[in-house]
């Protein structure tokens, strides 16, 4: 009888809590926090950038084509012009050298899944490899 009571308790009280917790998970929360701290001033909360000055990250063909390529830009910045969604951007971007490889991976994965982006998962190993091959 005790086992049955325990099972009923588990089903009624614990199981719904676990299901609720799973539904509330935010797998890219660390990347979101880092994005808010380091990127929103220019790229905006919604990833829209500033038309003609700062390129968007939301629905950006440049990002979609090579999400891992952003690793070098995040770490070392960008001084070249780039074409994003048929708009040419030439505003320099400063690098954020204090971010670890892991933090850069988290930012990339947040961007890959935010604002309707569906650019897939980028592994730490891929980001590390790209960072090792950056021209800095």
C-alpha atoms as a PDB file:
ATOM      1  CA  UNK A   1       0.000   0.000   0.000  1.00  0.00           C
ATOM      2  CA  UNK A   2       2.894   2.384   0.737  1.00  0.00           C
ATOM      3  CA  UNK A   3       4.324   1.918  -2.744  1.00  0.00           C
ATOM      4  CA  UNK A   4       0.970   2.731  -4.281  1.00  0.00           C
ATOM      5  CA  UNK A   5       0.681   5.914  -2.191  1.00  0.00           C
ATOM      6  CA  UNK A   6       4.184   6.943  -3.208  1.00  0.00           C
ATOM      7  CA  UNK A   7       3.380   6.340  -6.868  1.00  0.00           C
ATOM      8  CA  UNK A   8       0.172   8.381  -6.621  1.00  0.00           C
ATOM      9  CA  UNK A   9       2.091  11.202  -4.919  1.00  0.00           C
ATOM     10  CA  UNK A  10       4.706  11.096  -7.667  1.00  0.00           C
ATOM     11  CA  UNK A  11       2.145  11.210 -10.456  1.00  0.00           C
ATOM     12  CA  UNK A  12      -0.006  13.943  -8.913  1.00  0.00           C
ATOM     13  CA  UNK A  13       2.655  16.301  -7.577  1.00  0.00           C
ATOM     14  CA  UNK A  14       6.112  15.625  -8.935  1.00  0.00           C
ATOM     15  CA  UNK A  15       5.444  14.682 -12.557  1.00  0.00           C
ATOM     16  CA  UNK A  16       3.532  17.887 -13.447  1.00  0.00           C
ATOM     17  CA  UNK A  17       6.327  19.954 -11.886  1.00  0.00           C
ATOM     18  CA  UNK A  18       8.947  18.153 -13.974  1.00  0.00           C
ATOM     19  CA  UNK A  19       6.917  18.584 -17.155  1.00  0.00           C
ATOM     20  CA  UNK A  20       6.476  22.295 -16.365  1.00  0.00           C
ATOM     21  CA  UNK A  21      10.220  22.709 -15.765  1.00  0.00           C
ATOM     22  CA  UNK A  22      11.067  21.036 -19.070  1.00  0.00           C
ATOM     23  CA  UNK A  23       8.690  23.363 -20.881  1.00  0.00           C
ATOM     24  CA  UNK A  24      10.359  26.411 -19.312  1.00  0.00           C
ATOM     25  CA  UNK A  25      13.884  25.532 -20.400  1.00  0.00           C
ATOM     26  CA  UNK A  26      15.811  28.144 -22.288  1.00  0.00           C
ATOM     27  CA  UNK A  27      18.693  26.269 -23.864  1.00  0.00           C
ATOM     28  CA  UNK A  28      20.455  29.386 -25.144  1.00  0.00           C
ATOM     29  CA  UNK A  29      19.902  31.590 -22.075  1.00  0.00           C
ATOM     30  CA  UNK A  30      23.631  32.101 -21.407  1.00  0.00           C
ATOM     31  CA  UNK A  31      24.128  33.222 -25.012  1.00  0.00           C
ATOM     32  CA  UNK A  32      21.150  35.556 -24.707  1.00  0.00           C
ATOM     33  CA  UNK A  33      22.611  37.187 -21.590  1.00  0.00           C
ATOM     34  CA  UNK A  34      25.980  37.621 -23.289  1.00  0.00           C
ATOM     35  CA  UNK A  35      24.271  39.016 -26.405  1.00  0.00           C
ATOM     36  CA  UNK A  36      22.383  41.526 -24.262  1.00  0.00           C
ATOM     37  CA  UNK A  37      25.588  42.583 -22.508  1.00  0.00           C
ATOM     38  CA  UNK A  38      27.854  42.874 -25.537  1.00  0.00           C
ATOM     39  CA  UNK A  39      25.790  43.109 -28.741  1.00  0.00           C
ATOM     40  CA  UNK A  40      22.439  44.848 -28.242  1.00  0.00           C
ATOM     41  CA  UNK A  41      23.871  48.370 -28.217  1.00  0.00           C
ATOM     42  CA  UNK A  42      24.519  48.028 -31.938  1.00  0.00           C
ATOM     43  CA  UNK A  43      22.542  45.036 -33.199  1.00  0.00           C
ATOM     44  CA  UNK A  44      19.433  45.822 -31.067  1.00  0.00           C
ATOM     45  CA  UNK A  45      17.441  43.512 -28.779  1.00  0.00           C
ATOM     46  CA  UNK A  46      15.582  42.068 -31.747  1.00  0.00           C
ATOM     47  CA  UNK A  47      18.671  41.589 -33.930  1.00  0.00           C
ATOM     48  CA  UNK A  48      17.494  44.179 -36.462  1.00  0.00           C
ATOM     49  CA  UNK A  49      20.683  46.281 -36.443  1.00  0.00           C
ATOM     50  CA  UNK A  50      20.523  49.872 -37.686  1.00  0.00           C
ATOM     51  CA  UNK A  51      19.483  50.126 -41.330  1.00  0.00           C
ATOM     52  CA  UNK A  52      22.434  51.183 -43.436  1.00  0.00           C
ATOM     53  CA  UNK A  53      24.864  51.371 -40.485  1.00  0.00           C
ATOM     54  CA  UNK A  54      24.835  48.170 -38.421  1.00  0.00           C
ATOM     55  CA  UNK A  55      23.888  44.895 -40.119  1.00  0.00           C
ATOM     56  CA  UNK A  56      21.003  42.820 -38.840  1.00  0.00           C
ATOM     57  CA  UNK A  57      21.499  39.404 -37.296  1.00  0.00           C
ATOM     58  CA  UNK A  58      17.821  38.471 -37.506  1.00  0.00           C
ATOM     59  CA  UNK A  59      17.020  36.756 -40.798  1.00  0.00           C
ATOM     60  CA  UNK A  60      20.458  37.743 -42.109  1.00  0.00           C
ATOM     61  CA  UNK A  61      21.682  35.874 -45.183  1.00  0.00           C
ATOM     62  CA  UNK A  62      25.288  36.607 -44.165  1.00  0.00           C
ATOM     63  CA  UNK A  63      24.833  34.805 -40.853  1.00  0.00           C
ATOM     64  CA  UNK A  64      22.789  31.965 -42.338  1.00  0.00           C
ATOM     65  CA  UNK A  65      25.494  31.228 -44.913  1.00  0.00           C
ATOM     66  CA  UNK A  66      28.177  30.608 -42.276  1.00  0.00           C
ATOM     67  CA  UNK A  67      27.116  30.930 -38.621  1.00  0.00           C
ATOM     68  CA  UNK A  68      30.514  29.738 -37.342  1.00  0.00           C
ATOM     69  CA  UNK A  69      32.165  32.497 -39.369  1.00  0.00           C
ATOM     70  CA  UNK A  70      30.827  34.992 -36.854  1.00  0.00           C
ATOM     71  CA  UNK A  71      33.335  33.667 -34.298  1.00  0.00           C
ATOM     72  CA  UNK A  72      36.212  35.628 -35.818  1.00  0.00           C
ATOM     73  CA  UNK A  73      34.075  38.751 -36.167  1.00  0.00           C
ATOM     74  CA  UNK A  74      32.960  38.580 -32.537  1.00  0.00           C
ATOM     75  CA  UNK A  75      36.514  38.052 -31.250  1.00  0.00           C
ATOM     76  CA  UNK A  76      38.498  40.316 -33.574  1.00  0.00           C
ATOM     77  CA  UNK A  77      35.956  42.716 -35.042  1.00  0.00           C
ATOM     78  CA  UNK A  78      35.468  43.664 -38.658  1.00  0.00           C
ATOM     79  CA  UNK A  79      36.828  46.559 -40.686  1.00  0.00           C
ATOM     80  CA  UNK A  80      35.884  45.329 -44.183  1.00  0.00           C
ATOM     81  CA  UNK A  81      32.609  46.049 -45.896  1.00  0.00           C
ATOM     82  CA  UNK A  82      30.052  43.262 -45.893  1.00  0.00           C
ATOM     83  CA  UNK A  83      26.846  42.650 -47.806  1.00  0.00           C
ATOM     84  CA  UNK A  84      23.871  41.579 -45.691  1.00  0.00           C
ATOM     85  CA  UNK A  85      20.419  41.126 -47.212  1.00  0.00           C
ATOM     86  CA  UNK A  86      21.384  43.185 -50.280  1.00  0.00           C
ATOM     87  CA  UNK A  87      22.645  46.112 -48.207  1.00  0.00           C
ATOM     88  CA  UNK A  88      26.315  47.079 -48.036  1.00  0.00           C
ATOM     89  CA  UNK A  89      27.661  47.844 -44.551  1.00  0.00           C
ATOM     90  CA  UNK A  90      31.018  49.520 -43.952  1.00  0.00           C
ATOM     91  CA  UNK A  91      30.772  50.556 -40.301  1.00  0.00           C
ATOM     92  CA  UNK A  92      33.718  48.971 -38.422  1.00  0.00           C
ATOM     93  CA  UNK A  93      32.934  46.622 -35.558  1.00  0.00           C
ATOM     94  CA  UNK A  94      35.267  46.371 -32.582  1.00  0.00           C
ATOM     95  CA  UNK A  95      36.224  42.902 -31.428  1.00  0.00           C
ATOM     96  CA  UNK A  96      35.346  41.583 -28.001  1.00  0.00           C
ATOM     97  CA  UNK A  97      38.587  39.863 -27.058  1.00  0.00           C
ATOM     98  CA  UNK A  98      37.641  39.220 -23.434  1.00  0.00           C
ATOM     99  CA  UNK A  99      35.003  36.641 -24.422  1.00  0.00           C
ATOM    100  CA  UNK A 100      36.063  33.027 -24.095  1.00  0.00           C
ATOM    101  CA  UNK A 101      35.659  30.536 -26.929  1.00  0.00           C
ATOM    102  CA  UNK A 102      32.793  28.992 -24.960  1.00  0.00           C
ATOM    103  CA  UNK A 103      31.034  32.342 -24.560  1.00  0.00           C
ATOM    104  CA  UNK A 104      31.390  33.079 -28.279  1.00  0.00           C
ATOM    105  CA  UNK A 105      29.867  29.669 -29.020  1.00  0.00           C
ATOM    106  CA  UNK A 106      26.935  30.503 -26.759  1.00  0.00           C
ATOM    107  CA  UNK A 107      26.359  33.860 -28.465  1.00  0.00           C
ATOM    108  CA  UNK A 108      26.450  32.259 -31.908  1.00  0.00           C
ATOM    109  CA  UNK A 109      23.967  29.582 -30.874  1.00  0.00           C
ATOM    110  CA  UNK A 110      21.655  32.175 -29.367  1.00  0.00           C
ATOM    111  CA  UNK A 111      21.735  34.184 -32.608  1.00  0.00           C
ATOM    112  CA  UNK A 112      21.229  30.979 -34.624  1.00  0.00           C
ATOM    113  CA  UNK A 113      17.937  30.357 -32.811  1.00  0.00           C
ATOM    114  CA  UNK A 114      16.642  33.849 -31.966  1.00  0.00           C
ATOM    115  CA  UNK A 115      14.175  36.075 -33.859  1.00  0.00           C
ATOM    116  CA  UNK A 116      12.950  33.296 -36.138  1.00  0.00           C
ATOM    117  CA  UNK A 117      16.462  32.287 -37.210  1.00  0.00           C
ATOM    118  CA  UNK A 118      16.826  28.553 -37.796  1.00  0.00           C
ATOM    119  CA  UNK A 119      20.539  28.275 -38.537  1.00  0.00           C
ATOM    120  CA  UNK A 120      21.184  25.123 -36.529  1.00  0.00           C
ATOM    121  CA  UNK A 121      23.591  24.342 -33.741  1.00  0.00           C
ATOM    122  CA  UNK A 122      27.271  25.311 -33.929  1.00  0.00           C
ATOM    123  CA  UNK A 123      29.543  23.161 -31.779  1.00  0.00           C
ATOM    124  CA  UNK A 124      32.257  24.439 -29.482  1.00  0.00           C
ATOM    125  CA  UNK A 125      34.807  22.447 -31.497  1.00  0.00           C
ATOM    126  CA  UNK A 126      33.749  24.187 -34.716  1.00  0.00           C
ATOM    127  CA  UNK A 127      33.997  27.631 -33.118  1.00  0.00           C
ATOM    128  CA  UNK A 128      37.377  26.783 -31.574  1.00  0.00           C
ATOM    129  CA  UNK A 129      38.686  25.610 -34.935  1.00  0.00           C
ATOM    130  CA  UNK A 130      37.437  28.772 -36.656  1.00  0.00           C
ATOM    131  CA  UNK A 131      38.986  30.981 -33.981  1.00  0.00           C
ATOM    132  CA  UNK A 132      42.297  29.144 -34.338  1.00  0.00           C
ATOM    133  CA  UNK A 133      42.301  29.919 -38.054  1.00  0.00           C
ATOM    134  CA  UNK A 134      41.257  33.608 -37.828  1.00  0.00           C
ATOM    135  CA  UNK A 135      43.429  36.267 -39.333  1.00  0.00           C
ATOM    136  CA  UNK A 136      43.898  38.557 -36.350  1.00  0.00           C
END
